[in-house]
Amino acid sequence: MDSNNEITESGTDGLTLAKLRSAKEKLDSGNVSPDIPRFMVIGPKQLSDLLNVTNVTSSDYNSVKALVQGEIDTFMGFKFITSNRLSIASSKRKCLAYAQDGIKLALGQDLMTRIDERSDKGYATQVYVCQSIGSTRMEESKAISIEAHEA
């Protein structure tokens, strides 16, 4: 990813409001329409970081009662998605902020399934599922990488 679309800070900062504001600013300055839905993919530790921030959990700033549900749905214009599949390097997780039309999914091979008996395994049932997919950024200004320290 282009270094202009990465948000990194030295030290041991997790996901902070400053990083969220910086991601919003980068999308806004990249001429991303505010009408296009925006998403932020974070790890469980980053969710915990945000739940410790008063602005996120306070009903004065957020319409969703985050502490009651233990999750954050929407904040600062981003809809949050929690995933354990984000890469970690040197105890820093790469989170992703993007506009809905900034990333596209491509299907190389549609879903194929088979269920068979295996006579060599005591006629046990074998389930096979295969699919080929990929994704890419459609516009550089609509996808941003954010590094958040995990301790």
C-alpha atoms as a PDB file:
ATOM      1  CA  MET A   1       0.000   0.000   0.000  1.00  0.00           C
ATOM      2  CA  ASP A   2       1.212   3.491  -0.764  1.00  0.00           C
ATOM      3  CA  SER A   3       2.867   5.148   2.254  1.00  0.00           C
ATOM      4  CA  ASN A   4       0.432   8.066   1.899  1.00  0.00           C
ATOM      5  CA  ASN A   5      -2.366   5.666   2.769  1.00  0.00           C
ATOM      6  CA  GLU A   6      -0.736   4.198   5.880  1.00  0.00           C
ATOM      7  CA  ILE A   7      -1.206   5.515   9.385  1.00  0.00           C
ATOM      8  CA  THR A   8       1.684   4.548  11.638  1.00  0.00           C
ATOM      9  CA  GLU A   9       2.895   5.903  14.932  1.00  0.00           C
ATOM     10  CA  SER A  10       5.891   4.891  16.960  1.00  0.00           C
ATOM     11  CA  GLY A  11       5.534   3.580  20.466  1.00  0.00           C
ATOM     12  CA  THR A  12       2.917   1.313  21.915  1.00  0.00           C
ATOM     13  CA  ASP A  13      -0.299   3.054  20.891  1.00  0.00           C
ATOM     14  CA  GLY A  14      -3.207   0.799  20.109  1.00  0.00           C
ATOM     15  CA  LEU A  15      -6.135   2.047  18.061  1.00  0.00           C
ATOM     16  CA  THR A  16      -6.654   5.650  19.199  1.00  0.00           C
ATOM     17  CA  LEU A  17      -9.084   8.442  18.375  1.00  0.00           C
ATOM     18  CA  ALA A  18      -6.190  10.272  16.722  1.00  0.00           C
ATOM     19  CA  LYS A  19      -5.724   7.349  14.305  1.00  0.00           C
ATOM     20  CA  LEU A  20      -9.470   7.252  13.589  1.00  0.00           C
ATOM     21  CA  ARG A  21      -9.508  10.995  12.921  1.00  0.00           C
ATOM     22  CA  SER A  22      -6.465  10.644  10.671  1.00  0.00           C
ATOM     23  CA  ALA A  23      -8.169   7.855   8.667  1.00  0.00           C
ATOM     24  CA  LYS A  24     -11.322   9.956   8.289  1.00  0.00           C
ATOM     25  CA  GLU A  25      -9.234  12.948   7.211  1.00  0.00           C
ATOM     26  CA  LYS A  26      -7.362  10.879   4.587  1.00  0.00           C
ATOM     27  CA  LEU A  27     -10.629   9.589   3.117  1.00  0.00           C
ATOM     28  CA  ASP A  28     -12.154  13.080   3.139  1.00  0.00           C
ATOM     29  CA  SER A  29      -9.077  14.657   1.541  1.00  0.00           C
ATOM     30  CA  GLY A  30      -9.071  11.876  -1.098  1.00  0.00           C
ATOM     31  CA  ASN A  31     -12.438  13.186  -2.358  1.00  0.00           C
ATOM     32  CA  VAL A  32     -14.361  10.178  -1.048  1.00  0.00           C
ATOM     33  CA  SER A  33     -18.016  11.147  -0.973  1.00  0.00           C
ATOM     34  CA  PRO A  34     -19.518  11.165   2.535  1.00  0.00           C
ATOM     35  CA  ASP A  35     -22.554   9.377   1.040  1.00  0.00           C
ATOM     36  CA  ILE A  36     -20.485   6.239   0.389  1.00  0.00           C
ATOM     37  CA  PRO A  37     -20.549   3.866   3.410  1.00  0.00           C
ATOM     38  CA  ARG A  38     -17.194   3.580   5.209  1.00  0.00           C
ATOM     39  CA  PHE A  39     -15.904   0.534   7.052  1.00  0.00           C
ATOM     40  CA  MET A  40     -13.107  -0.160   9.515  1.00  0.00           C
ATOM     41  CA  VAL A  41     -11.816  -3.719   9.963  1.00  0.00           C
ATOM     42  CA  ILE A  42     -10.165  -4.147  13.370  1.00  0.00           C
ATOM     43  CA  GLY A  43      -8.988  -6.931  15.641  1.00  0.00           C
ATOM     44  CA  PRO A  44     -10.425  -7.814  19.065  1.00  0.00           C
ATOM     45  CA  LYS A  45      -7.627  -5.898  20.849  1.00  0.00           C
ATOM     46  CA  GLN A  46      -8.449  -2.743  18.877  1.00  0.00           C
ATOM     47  CA  LEU A  47     -12.120  -3.139  19.846  1.00  0.00           C
ATOM     48  CA  SER A  48     -11.001  -3.300  23.474  1.00  0.00           C
ATOM     49  CA  ASP A  49      -8.849  -0.185  22.952  1.00  0.00           C
ATOM     50  CA  LEU A  50     -11.870   1.733  21.645  1.00  0.00           C
ATOM     51  CA  LEU A  51     -14.161   0.508  24.433  1.00  0.00           C
ATOM     52  CA  ASN A  52     -11.698   2.111  26.892  1.00  0.00           C
ATOM     53  CA  VAL A  53     -12.168   5.541  25.262  1.00  0.00           C
ATOM     54  CA  THR A  54     -14.881   7.640  26.922  1.00  0.00           C
ATOM     55  CA  ASN A  55     -15.864   9.419  23.680  1.00  0.00           C
ATOM     56  CA  VAL A  56     -16.670   6.082  22.045  1.00  0.00           C
ATOM     57  CA  THR A  57     -18.700   4.623  24.910  1.00  0.00           C
ATOM     58  CA  SER A  58     -20.448   7.807  26.065  1.00  0.00           C
ATOM     59  CA  SER A  59     -24.027   8.289  24.868  1.00  0.00           C
ATOM     60  CA  ASP A  60     -23.163  11.976  24.416  1.00  0.00           C
ATOM     61  CA  TYR A  61     -20.884  11.057  21.480  1.00  0.00           C
ATOM     62  CA  ASN A  62     -22.259   7.732  20.282  1.00  0.00           C
ATOM     63  CA  SER A  63     -25.896   6.711  19.706  1.00  0.00           C
ATOM     64  CA  VAL A  64     -25.150   3.017  20.360  1.00  0.00           C
ATOM     65  CA  LYS A  65     -24.586   1.999  23.957  1.00  0.00           C
ATOM     66  CA  ALA A  66     -21.222   0.350  23.288  1.00  0.00           C
ATOM     67  CA  LEU A  67     -20.451  -0.786  26.844  1.00  0.00           C
ATOM     68  CA  VAL A  68     -23.843  -2.453  27.301  1.00  0.00           C
ATOM     69  CA  GLN A  69     -23.442  -4.552  24.156  1.00  0.00           C
ATOM     70  CA  GLY A  70     -19.642  -4.877  24.334  1.00  0.00           C
ATOM     71  CA  GLU A  71     -19.325  -3.884  20.699  1.00  0.00           C
ATOM     72  CA  ILE A  72     -19.048  -0.784  18.568  1.00  0.00           C
ATOM     73  CA  ASP A  73     -21.294  -0.642  15.544  1.00  0.00           C
ATOM     74  CA  THR A  74     -20.694   2.814  14.107  1.00  0.00           C
ATOM     75  CA  PHE A  75     -18.470   5.670  15.226  1.00  0.00           C
ATOM     76  CA  MET A  76     -16.973   8.684  13.425  1.00  0.00           C
ATOM     77  CA  GLY A  77     -18.701   7.617  10.207  1.00  0.00           C
ATOM     78  CA  PHE A  78     -17.164   4.108  10.159  1.00  0.00           C
ATOM     79  CA  LYS A  79     -19.045   0.834  10.546  1.00  0.00           C
ATOM     80  CA  PHE A  80     -16.755  -1.498  12.495  1.00  0.00           C
ATOM     81  CA  ILE A  81     -16.043  -5.111  11.547  1.00  0.00           C
ATOM     82  CA  THR A  82     -14.044  -7.302  13.955  1.00  0.00           C
ATOM     83  CA  SER A  83     -11.736  -9.906  12.410  1.00  0.00           C
ATOM     84  CA  ASN A  84      -8.931 -12.204  13.570  1.00  0.00           C
ATOM     85  CA  ARG A  85      -7.574 -12.475  10.015  1.00  0.00           C
ATOM     86  CA  LEU A  86      -5.674  -9.183   9.924  1.00  0.00           C
ATOM     87  CA  SER A  87      -1.906  -9.512   9.674  1.00  0.00           C
ATOM     88  CA  ILE A  88       0.370  -8.905  12.673  1.00  0.00           C
ATOM     89  CA  ALA A  89       4.066  -7.992  12.375  1.00  0.00           C
ATOM     90  CA  SER A  90       6.280  -6.941  15.307  1.00  0.00           C
ATOM     91  CA  SER A  91       3.199  -6.870  17.600  1.00  0.00           C
ATOM     92  CA  LYS A  92       1.459  -4.357  15.313  1.00  0.00           C
ATOM     93  CA  ARG A  93      -1.814  -5.332  13.694  1.00  0.00           C
ATOM     94  CA  LYS A  94      -2.679  -3.826  10.308  1.00  0.00           C
ATOM     95  CA  CYS A  95      -6.242  -2.565  10.433  1.00  0.00           C
ATOM     96  CA  LEU A  96      -8.086  -1.419   7.344  1.00  0.00           C
ATOM     97  CA  ALA A  97     -10.330   1.587   6.728  1.00  0.00           C
ATOM     98  CA  TYR A  98     -12.077   1.797   3.358  1.00  0.00           C
ATOM     99  CA  ALA A  99     -14.993   3.202   1.417  1.00  0.00           C
ATOM    100  CA  GLN A 100     -17.484   0.628   0.146  1.00  0.00           C
ATOM    101  CA  ASP A 101     -16.626   1.109  -3.527  1.00  0.00           C
ATOM    102  CA  GLY A 102     -12.876   1.251  -2.829  1.00  0.00           C
ATOM    103  CA  ILE A 103     -12.403  -2.527  -2.600  1.00  0.00           C
ATOM    104  CA  LYS A 104     -13.821  -5.105  -4.995  1.00  0.00           C
ATOM    105  CA  LEU A 105     -14.237  -8.863  -4.703  1.00  0.00           C
ATOM    106  CA  ALA A 106     -13.470 -11.129  -7.653  1.00  0.00           C
ATOM    107  CA  LEU A 107     -14.674 -14.726  -7.991  1.00  0.00           C
ATOM    108  CA  GLY A 108     -12.176 -16.915  -9.834  1.00  0.00           C
ATOM    109  CA  GLN A 109     -14.167 -20.097  -9.289  1.00  0.00           C
ATOM    110  CA  ASP A 110     -17.628 -20.268  -7.779  1.00  0.00           C
ATOM    111  CA  LEU A 111     -18.323 -22.452  -4.746  1.00  0.00           C
ATOM    112  CA  MET A 112     -18.016 -26.168  -5.495  1.00  0.00           C
ATOM    113  CA  THR A 113     -19.062 -28.814  -2.959  1.00  0.00           C
ATOM    114  CA  ARG A 114     -19.002 -32.598  -2.832  1.00  0.00           C
ATOM    115  CA  ILE A 115     -20.069 -35.117  -0.237  1.00  0.00           C
ATOM    116  CA  ASP A 116     -18.803 -38.677  -0.727  1.00  0.00           C
ATOM    117  CA  GLU A 117     -18.287 -41.891   1.200  1.00  0.00           C
ATOM    118  CA  ARG A 118     -14.714 -43.050   1.712  1.00  0.00           C
ATOM    119  CA  SER A 119     -14.599 -46.843   1.481  1.00  0.00           C
ATOM    120  CA  ASP A 120     -10.943 -46.801   2.580  1.00  0.00           C
ATOM    121  CA  LYS A 121     -11.954 -45.030   5.843  1.00  0.00           C
ATOM    122  CA  GLY A 122     -14.786 -47.304   6.998  1.00  0.00           C
ATOM    123  CA  TYR A 123     -17.312 -45.569   4.744  1.00  0.00           C
ATOM    124  CA  ALA A 124     -16.896 -42.292   6.608  1.00  0.00           C
ATOM    125  CA  THR A 125     -18.450 -39.222   5.039  1.00  0.00           C
ATOM    126  CA  GLN A 126     -16.029 -36.827   3.376  1.00  0.00           C
ATOM    127  CA  VAL A 127     -17.039 -33.221   2.744  1.00  0.00           C
ATOM    128  CA  TYR A 128     -15.115 -31.158   0.166  1.00  0.00           C
ATOM    129  CA  VAL A 129     -15.571 -27.425  -0.482  1.00  0.00           C
ATOM    130  CA  CYS A 130     -13.546 -25.340  -2.935  1.00  0.00           C
ATOM    131  CA  GLN A 131     -13.691 -21.714  -4.080  1.00  0.00           C
ATOM    132  CA  SER A 132     -11.233 -19.259  -5.592  1.00  0.00           C
ATOM    133  CA  ILE A 133     -11.650 -15.588  -4.615  1.00  0.00           C
ATOM    134  CA  GLY A 134      -9.563 -12.457  -4.399  1.00  0.00           C
ATOM    135  CA  SER A 135      -9.915  -8.757  -3.734  1.00  0.00           C
ATOM    136  CA  THR A 136      -8.159  -5.572  -4.699  1.00  0.00           C
ATOM    137  CA  ARG A 137      -8.215  -1.828  -4.126  1.00  0.00           C
ATOM    138  CA  MET A 138     -10.048  -0.065  -6.922  1.00  0.00           C
ATOM    139  CA  GLU A 139      -8.879   3.412  -5.949  1.00  0.00           C
ATOM    140  CA  GLU A 140      -5.812   4.124  -3.819  1.00  0.00           C
ATOM    141  CA  SER A 141      -7.483   7.011  -1.974  1.00  0.00           C
ATOM    142  CA  LYS A 142     -10.368   4.816  -0.773  1.00  0.00           C
ATOM    143  CA  ALA A 143      -8.361   2.251   1.235  1.00  0.00           C
ATOM    144  CA  ILE A 144      -6.174   3.078   4.240  1.00  0.00           C
ATOM    145  CA  SER A 145      -3.959   0.867   6.389  1.00  0.00           C
ATOM    146  CA  ILE A 146      -3.667   1.624  10.125  1.00  0.00           C
ATOM    147  CA  GLU A 147      -1.059   0.048  12.392  1.00  0.00           C
ATOM    148  CA  ALA A 148      -2.187  -0.561  15.967  1.00  0.00           C
ATOM    149  CA  HIS A 149       0.130  -1.966  18.639  1.00  0.00           C
ATOM    150  CA  GLU A 150      -0.972  -5.134  20.421  1.00  0.00           C
ATOM    151  CA  ALA A 151       0.567  -5.829  23.813  1.00  0.00           C
END
